[in-house]
Amino acid sequence: MKGLRTGIYPDGAVIAEEMLEFLVGDKGAGGEGHRVLTAVMVKDGNRYSTTGGWGFGHFDEGSKQNDLDAKAQQACYQCHTSRKDHGYVFTQYADR
């Protein structure tokens, strides 16, 4: 949570986003279906020095194999550069 508040993430930080199928019931109510994919960012300044210290991954349902090749990971980084001042992370902590 500290990283989300400050935009500073130490090596070893992991951010994961689950994307689930959205189901609509008989009466129009929504609910979660099966996991479609999981997107992951891993902070390691030495290993990922060319992408702001972050490694990017994409895992399909049930897979342990990262689907992103080097070109795709670079594309992720290019998109995330717009959030450099927030540690390359789009999500921010919202006070409640």
PDB file of N, CA and C in Angstrom:
ATOM      1  N   MET A   1       0.828  -1.198   0.000  1.00  0.00           N
ATOM      2  CA  MET A   1       0.000   0.000   0.000  1.00  0.00           C
ATOM      3  C   MET A   1       0.869   1.259   0.000  1.00  0.00           C
ATOM      4  N   LYS A   2       2.062   1.164   0.589  1.00  0.00           N
ATOM      5  CA  LYS A   2       2.926   2.335   0.637  1.00  0.00           C
ATOM      6  C   LYS A   2       3.266   2.829  -0.765  1.00  0.00           C
ATOM      7  N   GLY A   3       3.548   1.891  -1.681  1.00  0.00           N
ATOM      8  CA  GLY A   3       3.854   2.268  -3.049  1.00  0.00           C
ATOM      9  C   GLY A   3       2.689   2.968  -3.724  1.00  0.00           C
ATOM     10  N   LEU A   4       1.485   2.498  -3.488  1.00  0.00           N
ATOM     11  CA  LEU A   4       0.313   3.140  -4.076  1.00  0.00           C
ATOM     12  C   LEU A   4       0.124   4.556  -3.548  1.00  0.00           C
ATOM     13  N   ARG A   5       0.498   4.766  -2.295  1.00  0.00           N
ATOM     14  CA  ARG A   5       0.367   6.106  -1.695  1.00  0.00           C
ATOM     15  C   ARG A   5       1.465   7.044  -2.175  1.00  0.00           C
ATOM     16  N   THR A   6       2.700   6.517  -2.310  1.00  0.00           N
ATOM     17  CA  THR A   6       3.857   7.374  -2.572  1.00  0.00           C
ATOM     18  C   THR A   6       4.345   7.343  -4.015  1.00  0.00           C
ATOM     19  N   GLY A   7       4.037   6.282  -4.740  1.00  0.00           N
ATOM     20  CA  GLY A   7       4.574   6.118  -6.090  1.00  0.00           C
ATOM     21  C   GLY A   7       5.990   5.582  -6.090  1.00  0.00           C
ATOM     22  N   ILE A   8       6.471   5.155  -4.919  1.00  0.00           N
ATOM     23  CA  ILE A   8       7.818   4.594  -4.794  1.00  0.00           C
ATOM     24  C   ILE A   8       7.678   3.120  -4.448  1.00  0.00           C
ATOM     25  N   TYR A   9       8.225   2.271  -5.320  1.00  0.00           N
ATOM     26  CA  TYR A   9       8.102   0.823  -5.160  1.00  0.00           C
ATOM     27  C   TYR A   9       9.484   0.204  -5.015  1.00  0.00           C
ATOM     28  N   PRO A  10       9.724  -0.563  -3.951  1.00  0.00           N
ATOM     29  CA  PRO A  10      11.024  -1.210  -3.774  1.00  0.00           C
ATOM     30  C   PRO A  10      11.151  -2.438  -4.682  1.00  0.00           C
ATOM     31  N   ASP A  11      12.385  -2.837  -4.939  1.00  0.00           N
ATOM     32  CA  ASP A  11      12.585  -4.095  -5.643  1.00  0.00           C
ATOM     33  C   ASP A  11      11.867  -5.201  -4.881  1.00  0.00           C
ATOM     34  N   GLY A  12      11.243  -6.080  -5.624  1.00  0.00           N
ATOM     35  CA  GLY A  12      10.468  -7.160  -5.023  1.00  0.00           C
ATOM     36  C   GLY A  12       8.972  -6.883  -5.012  1.00  0.00           C
ATOM     37  N   ALA A  13       8.583  -5.628  -5.286  1.00  0.00           N
ATOM     38  CA  ALA A  13       7.155  -5.296  -5.336  1.00  0.00           C
ATOM     39  C   ALA A  13       6.507  -6.028  -6.512  1.00  0.00           C
ATOM     40  N   VAL A  14       5.292  -6.491  -6.298  1.00  0.00           N
ATOM     41  CA  VAL A  14       4.526  -7.180  -7.337  1.00  0.00           C
ATOM     42  C   VAL A  14       3.124  -6.578  -7.381  1.00  0.00           C
ATOM     43  N   ILE A  15       2.686  -6.257  -8.591  1.00  0.00           N
ATOM     44  CA  ILE A  15       1.325  -5.773  -8.796  1.00  0.00           C
ATOM     45  C   ILE A  15       0.662  -6.727  -9.772  1.00  0.00           C
ATOM     46  N   ALA A  16      -0.503  -7.232  -9.407  1.00  0.00           N
ATOM     47  CA  ALA A  16      -1.223  -8.164 -10.280  1.00  0.00           C
ATOM     48  C   ALA A  16      -2.646  -7.663 -10.479  1.00  0.00           C
ATOM     49  N   GLU A  17      -3.132  -7.829 -11.685  1.00  0.00           N
ATOM     50  CA  GLU A  17      -4.496  -7.452 -12.030  1.00  0.00           C
ATOM     51  C   GLU A  17      -5.176  -8.660 -12.660  1.00  0.00           C
ATOM     52  N   GLU A  18      -6.245  -9.071 -12.050  1.00  0.00           N
ATOM     53  CA  GLU A  18      -7.035 -10.185 -12.562  1.00  0.00           C
ATOM     54  C   GLU A  18      -8.143  -9.654 -13.451  1.00  0.00           C
ATOM     55  N   MET A  19      -8.295 -10.225 -14.610  1.00  0.00           N
ATOM     56  CA  MET A  19      -9.407  -9.857 -15.475  1.00  0.00           C
ATOM     57  C   MET A  19     -10.343 -11.051 -15.549  1.00  0.00           C
ATOM     58  N   LEU A  20     -11.566 -10.819 -15.081  1.00  0.00           N
ATOM     59  CA  LEU A  20     -12.561 -11.889 -14.997  1.00  0.00           C
ATOM     60  C   LEU A  20     -13.658 -11.689 -16.036  1.00  0.00           C
ATOM     61  N   GLU A  21     -14.216 -12.785 -16.471  1.00  0.00           N
ATOM     62  CA  GLU A  21     -15.374 -12.722 -17.352  1.00  0.00           C
ATOM     63  C   GLU A  21     -16.525 -12.098 -16.564  1.00  0.00           C
ATOM     64  N   PHE A  22     -17.293 -11.235 -17.207  1.00  0.00           N
ATOM     65  CA  PHE A  22     -18.444 -10.610 -16.561  1.00  0.00           C
ATOM     66  C   PHE A  22     -19.690 -11.369 -16.997  1.00  0.00           C
ATOM     67  N   LEU A  23     -20.424 -11.863 -16.035  1.00  0.00           N
ATOM     68  CA  LEU A  23     -21.642 -12.622 -16.317  1.00  0.00           C
ATOM     69  C   LEU A  23     -22.866 -11.796 -15.954  1.00  0.00           C
ATOM     70  N   VAL A  24     -23.908 -11.916 -16.751  1.00  0.00           N
ATOM     71  CA  VAL A  24     -25.173 -11.245 -16.468  1.00  0.00           C
ATOM     72  C   VAL A  24     -26.212 -12.324 -16.190  1.00  0.00           C
ATOM     73  N   GLY A  25     -26.840 -12.235 -15.013  1.00  0.00           N
ATOM     74  CA  GLY A  25     -27.844 -13.213 -14.612  1.00  0.00           C
ATOM     75  C   GLY A  25     -29.194 -12.972 -15.275  1.00  0.00           C
ATOM     76  N   ASP A  26     -30.120 -13.846 -14.985  1.00  0.00           N
ATOM     77  CA  ASP A  26     -31.466 -13.786 -15.563  1.00  0.00           C
ATOM     78  C   ASP A  26     -32.167 -12.460 -15.295  1.00  0.00           C
ATOM     79  N   LYS A  27     -31.907 -11.874 -14.135  1.00  0.00           N
ATOM     80  CA  LYS A  27     -32.587 -10.625 -13.762  1.00  0.00           C
ATOM     81  C   LYS A  27     -31.720  -9.398 -14.022  1.00  0.00           C
ATOM     82  N   GLY A  28     -30.640  -9.574 -14.794  1.00  0.00           N
ATOM     83  CA  GLY A  28     -29.791  -8.451 -15.161  1.00  0.00           C
ATOM     84  C   GLY A  28     -28.676  -8.130 -14.188  1.00  0.00           C
ATOM     85  N   ALA A  29     -28.600  -8.874 -13.087  1.00  0.00           N
ATOM     86  CA  ALA A  29     -27.520  -8.638 -12.124  1.00  0.00           C
ATOM     87  C   ALA A  29     -26.211  -9.184 -12.676  1.00  0.00           C
ATOM     88  N   GLY A  30     -25.124  -8.485 -12.394  1.00  0.00           N
ATOM     89  CA  GLY A  30     -23.811  -8.914 -12.873  1.00  0.00           C
ATOM     90  C   GLY A  30     -23.083  -9.739 -11.845  1.00  0.00           C
ATOM     91  N   GLY A  31     -22.123 -10.492 -12.318  1.00  0.00           N
ATOM     92  CA  GLY A  31     -21.313 -11.303 -11.415  1.00  0.00           C
ATOM     93  C   GLY A  31     -20.022 -11.725 -12.096  1.00  0.00           C
ATOM     94  N   GLU A  32     -19.126 -12.305 -11.316  1.00  0.00           N
ATOM     95  CA  GLU A  32     -17.829 -12.738 -11.824  1.00  0.00           C
ATOM     96  C   GLU A  32     -17.915 -14.110 -12.462  1.00  0.00           C
ATOM     97  N   GLY A  33     -17.269 -14.236 -13.610  1.00  0.00           N
ATOM     98  CA  GLY A  33     -17.112 -15.525 -14.257  1.00  0.00           C
ATOM     99  C   GLY A  33     -15.697 -16.029 -14.037  1.00  0.00           C
ATOM    100  N   HIS A  34     -15.213 -16.844 -14.948  1.00  0.00           N
ATOM    101  CA  HIS A  34     -13.867 -17.405 -14.800  1.00  0.00           C
ATOM    102  C   HIS A  34     -12.801 -16.352 -15.111  1.00  0.00           C
ATOM    103  N   ARG A  35     -11.606 -16.587 -14.646  1.00  0.00           N
ATOM    104  CA  ARG A  35     -10.472 -15.701 -14.883  1.00  0.00           C
ATOM    105  C   ARG A  35     -10.088 -15.805 -16.356  1.00  0.00           C
ATOM    106  N   VAL A  36     -10.005 -14.685 -17.023  1.00  0.00           N
ATOM    107  CA  VAL A  36      -9.628 -14.637 -18.426  1.00  0.00           C
ATOM    108  C   VAL A  36      -8.114 -14.504 -18.556  1.00  0.00           C
ATOM    109  N   LEU A  37      -7.539 -13.617 -17.763  1.00  0.00           N
ATOM    110  CA  LEU A  37      -6.090 -13.444 -17.766  1.00  0.00           C
ATOM    111  C   LEU A  37      -5.653 -12.732 -16.506  1.00  0.00           C
ATOM    112  N   THR A  38      -4.370 -12.792 -16.252  1.00  0.00           N
ATOM    113  CA  THR A  38      -3.759 -12.062 -15.152  1.00  0.00           C
ATOM    114  C   THR A  38      -2.589 -11.270 -15.711  1.00  0.00           C
ATOM    115  N   ALA A  39      -2.568  -9.975 -15.451  1.00  0.00           N
ATOM    116  CA  ALA A  39      -1.459  -9.111 -15.843  1.00  0.00           C
ATOM    117  C   ALA A  39      -0.625  -8.841 -14.593  1.00  0.00           C
ATOM    118  N   VAL A  40       0.703  -8.883 -14.750  1.00  0.00           N
ATOM    119  CA  VAL A  40       1.598  -8.765 -13.602  1.00  0.00           C
ATOM    120  C   VAL A  40       2.730  -7.793 -13.909  1.00  0.00           C
ATOM    121  N   MET A  41       3.094  -7.005 -12.895  1.00  0.00           N
ATOM    122  CA  MET A  41       4.300  -6.174 -12.935  1.00  0.00           C
ATOM    123  C   MET A  41       5.168  -6.592 -11.755  1.00  0.00           C
ATOM    124  N   VAL A  42       6.471  -6.783 -12.005  1.00  0.00           N
ATOM    125  CA  VAL A  42       7.426  -7.174 -10.971  1.00  0.00           C
ATOM    126  C   VAL A  42       8.556  -6.157 -10.974  1.00  0.00           C
ATOM    127  N   LYS A  43       8.861  -5.592  -9.812  1.00  0.00           N
ATOM    128  CA  LYS A  43       9.910  -4.571  -9.705  1.00  0.00           C
ATOM    129  C   LYS A  43      11.252  -5.222  -9.392  1.00  0.00           C
ATOM    130  N   ASP A  44      12.208  -5.011 -10.287  1.00  0.00           N
ATOM    131  CA  ASP A  44      13.587  -5.481 -10.109  1.00  0.00           C
ATOM    132  C   ASP A  44      14.469  -4.564 -10.945  1.00  0.00           C
ATOM    133  N   GLY A  45      15.054  -3.563 -10.289  1.00  0.00           N
ATOM    134  CA  GLY A  45      15.822  -2.538 -10.980  1.00  0.00           C
ATOM    135  C   GLY A  45      16.991  -3.055 -11.790  1.00  0.00           C
ATOM    136  N   ASN A  46      17.628  -4.118 -11.332  1.00  0.00           N
ATOM    137  CA  ASN A  46      18.755  -4.671 -12.074  1.00  0.00           C
ATOM    138  C   ASN A  46      18.296  -5.483 -13.277  1.00  0.00           C
ATOM    139  N   ARG A  47      17.369  -6.373 -13.059  1.00  0.00           N
ATOM    140  CA  ARG A  47      16.906  -7.271 -14.122  1.00  0.00           C
ATOM    141  C   ARG A  47      16.139  -6.530 -15.218  1.00  0.00           C
ATOM    142  N   TYR A  48      15.386  -5.498 -14.842  1.00  0.00           N
ATOM    143  CA  TYR A  48      14.541  -4.784 -15.800  1.00  0.00           C
ATOM    144  C   TYR A  48      14.955  -3.313 -15.932  1.00  0.00           C
ATOM    145  N   SER A  49      16.241  -3.075 -16.010  1.00  0.00           N
ATOM    146  CA  SER A  49      16.754  -1.702 -16.037  1.00  0.00           C
ATOM    147  C   SER A  49      16.312  -0.920 -17.274  1.00  0.00           C
ATOM    148  N   THR A  50      15.990  -1.593 -18.370  1.00  0.00           N
ATOM    149  CA  THR A  50      15.587  -0.890 -19.592  1.00  0.00           C
ATOM    150  C   THR A  50      14.095  -0.562 -19.625  1.00  0.00           C
ATOM    151  N   THR A  51      13.351  -1.021 -18.623  1.00  0.00           N
ATOM    152  CA  THR A  51      11.909  -0.746 -18.579  1.00  0.00           C
ATOM    153  C   THR A  51      11.507  -0.136 -17.235  1.00  0.00           C
ATOM    154  N   GLY A  52      12.291   0.829 -16.796  1.00  0.00           N
ATOM    155  CA  GLY A  52      11.957   1.549 -15.573  1.00  0.00           C
ATOM    156  C   GLY A  52      12.027   0.705 -14.317  1.00  0.00           C
ATOM    157  N   GLY A  53      12.712  -0.448 -14.401  1.00  0.00           N
ATOM    158  CA  GLY A  53      12.826  -1.334 -13.246  1.00  0.00           C
ATOM    159  C   GLY A  53      11.690  -2.328 -13.121  1.00  0.00           C
ATOM    160  N   TRP A  54      10.747  -2.302 -14.062  1.00  0.00           N
ATOM    161  CA  TRP A  54       9.585  -3.186 -14.005  1.00  0.00           C
ATOM    162  C   TRP A  54       9.638  -4.246 -15.094  1.00  0.00           C
ATOM    163  N   GLY A  55       9.288  -5.473 -14.725  1.00  0.00           N
ATOM    164  CA  GLY A  55       9.052  -6.542 -15.677  1.00  0.00           C
ATOM    165  C   GLY A  55       7.553  -6.690 -15.844  1.00  0.00           C
ATOM    166  N   PHE A  56       7.115  -6.931 -17.053  1.00  0.00           N
ATOM    167  CA  PHE A  56       5.690  -7.023 -17.355  1.00  0.00           C
ATOM    168  C   PHE A  56       5.346  -8.439 -17.800  1.00  0.00           C
ATOM    169  N   GLY A  57       4.214  -8.943 -17.329  1.00  0.00           N
ATOM    170  CA  GLY A  57       3.790 -10.280 -17.699  1.00  0.00           C
ATOM    171  C   GLY A  57       2.302 -10.355 -17.974  1.00  0.00           C
ATOM    172  N   HIS A  58       1.942 -11.346 -18.759  1.00  0.00           N
ATOM    173  CA  HIS A  58       0.548 -11.599 -19.124  1.00  0.00           C
ATOM    174  C   HIS A  58       0.366 -13.108 -19.125  1.00  0.00           C
ATOM    175  N   PHE A  59      -0.569 -13.570 -18.334  1.00  0.00           N
ATOM    176  CA  PHE A  59      -0.788 -15.004 -18.186  1.00  0.00           C
ATOM    177  C   PHE A  59      -2.246 -15.326 -18.469  1.00  0.00           C
ATOM    178  N   ASP A  60      -2.470 -16.204 -19.455  1.00  0.00           N
ATOM    179  CA  ASP A  60      -3.829 -16.643 -19.759  1.00  0.00           C
ATOM    180  C   ASP A  60      -4.321 -17.570 -18.656  1.00  0.00           C
ATOM    181  N   GLU A  61      -5.610 -17.795 -18.622  1.00  0.00           N
ATOM    182  CA  GLU A  61      -6.248 -18.677 -17.632  1.00  0.00           C
ATOM    183  C   GLU A  61      -5.483 -19.984 -17.473  1.00  0.00           C
ATOM    184  N   GLY A  62      -5.032 -20.242 -16.270  1.00  0.00           N
ATOM    185  CA  GLY A  62      -4.376 -21.504 -15.941  1.00  0.00           C
ATOM    186  C   GLY A  62      -2.940 -21.640 -16.408  1.00  0.00           C
ATOM    187  N   SER A  63      -2.388 -20.634 -17.087  1.00  0.00           N
ATOM    188  CA  SER A  63      -1.033 -20.730 -17.628  1.00  0.00           C
ATOM    189  C   SER A  63      -0.002 -20.170 -16.650  1.00  0.00           C
ATOM    190  N   LYS A  64       1.167 -20.772 -16.639  1.00  0.00           N
ATOM    191  CA  LYS A  64       2.294 -20.251 -15.862  1.00  0.00           C
ATOM    192  C   LYS A  64       3.346 -19.648 -16.786  1.00  0.00           C
ATOM    193  N   GLN A  65       3.033 -19.581 -18.080  1.00  0.00           N
ATOM    194  CA  GLN A  65       3.946 -19.076 -19.095  1.00  0.00           C
ATOM    195  C   GLN A  65       3.590 -17.636 -19.453  1.00  0.00           C
ATOM    196  N   ASN A  66       4.553 -16.719 -19.312  1.00  0.00           N
ATOM    197  CA  ASN A  66       4.345 -15.327 -19.688  1.00  0.00           C
ATOM    198  C   ASN A  66       4.196 -15.250 -21.201  1.00  0.00           C
ATOM    199  N   ASP A  67       3.089 -14.695 -21.667  1.00  0.00           N
ATOM    200  CA  ASP A  67       2.814 -14.589 -23.097  1.00  0.00           C
ATOM    201  C   ASP A  67       3.501 -13.402 -23.765  1.00  0.00           C
ATOM    202  N   LEU A  68       4.131 -12.536 -22.995  1.00  0.00           N
ATOM    203  CA  LEU A  68       4.726 -11.332 -23.563  1.00  0.00           C
ATOM    204  C   LEU A  68       6.176 -11.569 -23.970  1.00  0.00           C
ATOM    205  N   ASP A  69       6.488 -11.337 -25.234  1.00  0.00           N
ATOM    206  CA  ASP A  69       7.879 -11.382 -25.668  1.00  0.00           C
ATOM    207  C   ASP A  69       8.523 -10.027 -25.356  1.00  0.00           C
ATOM    208  N   ALA A  70       9.792  -9.871 -25.670  1.00  0.00           N
ATOM    209  CA  ALA A  70      10.519  -8.638 -25.333  1.00  0.00           C
ATOM    210  C   ALA A  70       9.876  -7.413 -25.985  1.00  0.00           C
ATOM    211  N   LYS A  71       9.410  -7.547 -27.219  1.00  0.00           N
ATOM    212  CA  LYS A  71       8.781  -6.426 -27.917  1.00  0.00           C
ATOM    213  C   LYS A  71       7.482  -6.011 -27.219  1.00  0.00           C
ATOM    214  N   ALA A  72       6.684  -6.976 -26.809  1.00  0.00           N
ATOM    215  CA  ALA A  72       5.429  -6.675 -26.119  1.00  0.00           C
ATOM    216  C   ALA A  72       5.693  -6.055 -24.748  1.00  0.00           C
ATOM    217  N   GLN A  73       6.720  -6.542 -24.043  1.00  0.00           N
ATOM    218  CA  GLN A  73       7.055  -5.954 -22.744  1.00  0.00           C
ATOM    219  C   GLN A  73       7.515  -4.505 -22.911  1.00  0.00           C
ATOM    220  N   GLN A  74       8.240  -4.233 -23.981  1.00  0.00           N
ATOM    221  CA  GLN A  74       8.671  -2.858 -24.261  1.00  0.00           C
ATOM    222  C   GLN A  74       7.461  -1.977 -24.559  1.00  0.00           C
ATOM    223  N   ALA A  75       6.462  -2.527 -25.244  1.00  0.00           N
ATOM    224  CA  ALA A  75       5.225  -1.780 -25.512  1.00  0.00           C
ATOM    225  C   ALA A  75       4.500  -1.456 -24.208  1.00  0.00           C
ATOM    226  N   CYS A  76       4.483  -2.402 -23.274  1.00  0.00           N
ATOM    227  CA  CYS A  76       3.879  -2.136 -21.955  1.00  0.00           C
ATOM    228  C   CYS A  76       4.597  -0.974 -21.298  1.00  0.00           C
ATOM    229  N   TYR A  77       5.925  -1.028 -21.317  1.00  0.00           N
ATOM    230  CA  TYR A  77       6.724   0.031 -20.692  1.00  0.00           C
ATOM    231  C   TYR A  77       6.423   1.391 -21.334  1.00  0.00           C
ATOM    232  N   GLN A  78       6.345   1.435 -22.665  1.00  0.00           N
ATOM    233  CA  GLN A  78       6.081   2.704 -23.341  1.00  0.00           C
ATOM    234  C   GLN A  78       4.764   3.311 -22.877  1.00  0.00           C
ATOM    235  N   CYS A  79       3.758   2.493 -22.688  1.00  0.00           N
ATOM    236  CA  CYS A  79       2.475   2.984 -22.190  1.00  0.00           C
ATOM    237  C   CYS A  79       2.609   3.491 -20.752  1.00  0.00           C
ATOM    238  N   HIS A  80       3.355   2.771 -19.938  1.00  0.00           N
ATOM    239  CA  HIS A  80       3.502   3.110 -18.522  1.00  0.00           C
ATOM    240  C   HIS A  80       4.399   4.327 -18.291  1.00  0.00           C
ATOM    241  N   THR A  81       5.174   4.756 -19.300  1.00  0.00           N
ATOM    242  CA  THR A  81       6.029   5.930 -19.102  1.00  0.00           C
ATOM    243  C   THR A  81       5.218   7.185 -18.795  1.00  0.00           C
ATOM    244  N   SER A  82       3.957   7.201 -19.200  1.00  0.00           N
ATOM    245  CA  SER A  82       3.111   8.350 -18.874  1.00  0.00           C
ATOM    246  C   SER A  82       2.880   8.465 -17.366  1.00  0.00           C
ATOM    247  N   ARG A  83       3.190   7.403 -16.634  1.00  0.00           N
ATOM    248  CA  ARG A  83       3.005   7.396 -15.175  1.00  0.00           C
ATOM    249  C   ARG A  83       4.346   7.333 -14.436  1.00  0.00           C
ATOM    250  N   LYS A  84       5.409   7.788 -15.086  1.00  0.00           N
ATOM    251  CA  LYS A  84       6.746   7.744 -14.478  1.00  0.00           C
ATOM    252  C   LYS A  84       6.758   8.406 -13.099  1.00  0.00           C
ATOM    253  N   ASP A  85       6.075   9.523 -12.953  1.00  0.00           N
ATOM    254  CA  ASP A  85       6.041  10.243 -11.670  1.00  0.00           C
ATOM    255  C   ASP A  85       5.276   9.489 -10.588  1.00  0.00           C
ATOM    256  N   HIS A  86       4.628   8.393 -10.946  1.00  0.00           N
ATOM    257  CA  HIS A  86       3.889   7.560  -9.995  1.00  0.00           C
ATOM    258  C   HIS A  86       4.451   6.143  -9.978  1.00  0.00           C
ATOM    259  N   GLY A  87       5.758   6.029 -10.277  1.00  0.00           N
ATOM    260  CA  GLY A  87       6.416   4.727 -10.246  1.00  0.00           C
ATOM    261  C   GLY A  87       6.029   3.826 -11.404  1.00  0.00           C
ATOM    262  N   TYR A  88       5.534   4.414 -12.496  1.00  0.00           N
ATOM    263  CA  TYR A  88       5.098   3.685 -13.705  1.00  0.00           C
ATOM    264  C   TYR A  88       3.804   2.897 -13.483  1.00  0.00           C
ATOM    265  N   VAL A  89       3.091   3.201 -12.414  1.00  0.00           N
ATOM    266  CA  VAL A  89       1.885   2.449 -12.055  1.00  0.00           C
ATOM    267  C   VAL A  89       0.656   3.345 -12.253  1.00  0.00           C
ATOM    268  N   PHE A  90      -0.366   2.810 -12.907  1.00  0.00           N
ATOM    269  CA  PHE A  90      -1.585   3.575 -13.159  1.00  0.00           C
ATOM    270  C   PHE A  90      -2.461   3.696 -11.920  1.00  0.00           C
ATOM    271  N   THR A  91      -2.507   2.667 -11.103  1.00  0.00           N
ATOM    272  CA  THR A  91      -3.356   2.663  -9.920  1.00  0.00           C
ATOM    273  C   THR A  91      -2.776   3.581  -8.850  1.00  0.00           C
ATOM    274  N   GLN A  92      -3.643   4.312  -8.174  1.00  0.00           N
ATOM    275  CA  GLN A  92      -3.244   5.151  -7.049  1.00  0.00           C
ATOM    276  C   GLN A  92      -4.130   4.820  -5.859  1.00  0.00           C
ATOM    277  N   TYR A  93      -3.606   5.050  -4.672  1.00  0.00           N
ATOM    278  CA  TYR A  93      -4.350   4.821  -3.458  1.00  0.00           C
ATOM    279  C   TYR A  93      -5.429   5.893  -3.324  1.00  0.00           C
ATOM    280  N   ALA A  94      -6.620   5.477  -2.985  1.00  0.00           N
ATOM    281  CA  ALA A  94      -7.725   6.409  -2.761  1.00  0.00           C
ATOM    282  C   ALA A  94      -8.069   6.412  -1.272  1.00  0.00           C
ATOM    283  N   ASP A  95      -7.898   7.550  -0.634  1.00  0.00           N
ATOM    284  CA  ASP A  95      -8.300   7.669   0.776  1.00  0.00           C
ATOM    285  C   ASP A  95      -9.785   7.451   0.894  1.00  0.00           C
ATOM    286  N   ARG A  96     -10.181   6.792   1.986  1.00  0.00           N
ATOM    287  CA  ARG A  96     -11.611   6.535   2.206  1.00  0.00           C
ATOM    288  C   ARG A  96     -12.057   7.189   3.482  1.00  0.00           C
TER     289      ARG A  96
END
